[in-house]
């Protein structure tokens, strides 16, 4: 089972990736 810490880290990584994509496509 995945620990809460690992889940949070994965979520942050995905969120940052999505933000980066949004910034690139927006500029």
N, C-alpha and C. Protein backbone atom coordinates (compact mmCIF):
# COMPACT_ATOMS: atom_id res chain seq x y z
N UNK A 1 0.85 -1.20 0.00
CA UNK A 1 0.00 0.00 0.00
C UNK A 1 0.89 1.25 0.00
N UNK A 2 0.46 2.26 -0.72
CA UNK A 2 1.25 3.48 -0.83
C UNK A 2 1.02 4.35 0.40
N UNK A 3 2.09 4.91 0.93
CA UNK A 3 1.96 5.76 2.11
C UNK A 3 1.43 7.14 1.70
N UNK A 4 0.90 7.87 2.68
CA UNK A 4 0.33 9.18 2.39
C UNK A 4 1.41 10.12 1.85
N UNK A 5 2.62 10.02 2.38
CA UNK A 5 3.70 10.89 1.93
C UNK A 5 4.01 10.68 0.46
N UNK A 6 4.06 9.41 0.03
CA UNK A 6 4.34 9.12 -1.38
C UNK A 6 3.21 9.63 -2.27
N UNK A 7 1.98 9.47 -1.81
CA UNK A 7 0.84 9.93 -2.60
C UNK A 7 0.89 11.44 -2.77
N UNK A 8 1.19 12.15 -1.68
CA UNK A 8 1.25 13.61 -1.74
C UNK A 8 2.35 14.05 -2.70
N UNK A 9 3.50 13.38 -2.64
CA UNK A 9 4.61 13.74 -3.53
C UNK A 9 4.22 13.53 -4.98
N UNK A 10 3.57 12.43 -5.27
CA UNK A 10 3.15 12.15 -6.64
C UNK A 10 2.15 13.19 -7.12
N UNK A 11 1.23 13.57 -6.25
CA UNK A 11 0.23 14.57 -6.62
C UNK A 11 0.89 15.90 -6.93
N UNK A 12 1.84 16.29 -6.10
CA UNK A 12 2.54 17.56 -6.31
C UNK A 12 3.30 17.52 -7.63
N UNK A 13 3.93 16.40 -7.92
CA UNK A 13 4.71 16.28 -9.17
C UNK A 13 3.79 16.43 -10.38
N UNK A 14 2.65 15.78 -10.34
CA UNK A 14 1.70 15.87 -11.46
C UNK A 14 1.17 17.29 -11.57
N UNK A 15 0.85 17.91 -10.44
CA UNK A 15 0.33 19.27 -10.46
C UNK A 15 1.35 20.23 -11.05
N UNK A 16 2.61 20.11 -10.62
CA UNK A 16 3.66 20.99 -11.15
C UNK A 16 3.83 20.78 -12.64
N UNK A 17 3.72 19.52 -13.08
CA UNK A 17 3.86 19.21 -14.51
C UNK A 17 2.74 19.89 -15.29
N UNK A 18 1.53 19.83 -14.76
CA UNK A 18 0.38 20.44 -15.45
C UNK A 18 0.54 21.96 -15.49
N UNK A 19 1.04 22.55 -14.40
CA UNK A 19 1.25 24.00 -14.36
C UNK A 19 2.28 24.39 -15.41
N UNK A 20 3.35 23.60 -15.52
CA UNK A 20 4.40 23.90 -16.50
C UNK A 20 3.83 23.85 -17.91
N UNK A 21 3.00 22.87 -18.19
CA UNK A 21 2.39 22.75 -19.52
C UNK A 21 1.49 23.96 -19.79
N UNK A 22 0.72 24.36 -18.79
CA UNK A 22 -0.18 25.49 -18.96
C UNK A 22 0.60 26.77 -19.24
N UNK A 23 1.69 26.97 -18.52
CA UNK A 23 2.51 28.17 -18.71
C UNK A 23 3.12 28.18 -20.11
N UNK A 24 3.62 27.02 -20.57
CA UNK A 24 4.25 26.95 -21.89
C UNK A 24 3.23 27.24 -22.99
N UNK A 25 2.07 26.63 -22.90
CA UNK A 25 1.06 26.79 -23.94
C UNK A 25 0.45 28.19 -23.88
N UNK A 26 0.48 28.81 -22.71
CA UNK A 26 -0.13 30.13 -22.56
C UNK A 26 0.76 31.25 -23.06
N UNK A 27 2.07 31.04 -23.06
CA UNK A 27 3.00 32.11 -23.43
C UNK A 27 3.24 32.18 -24.93
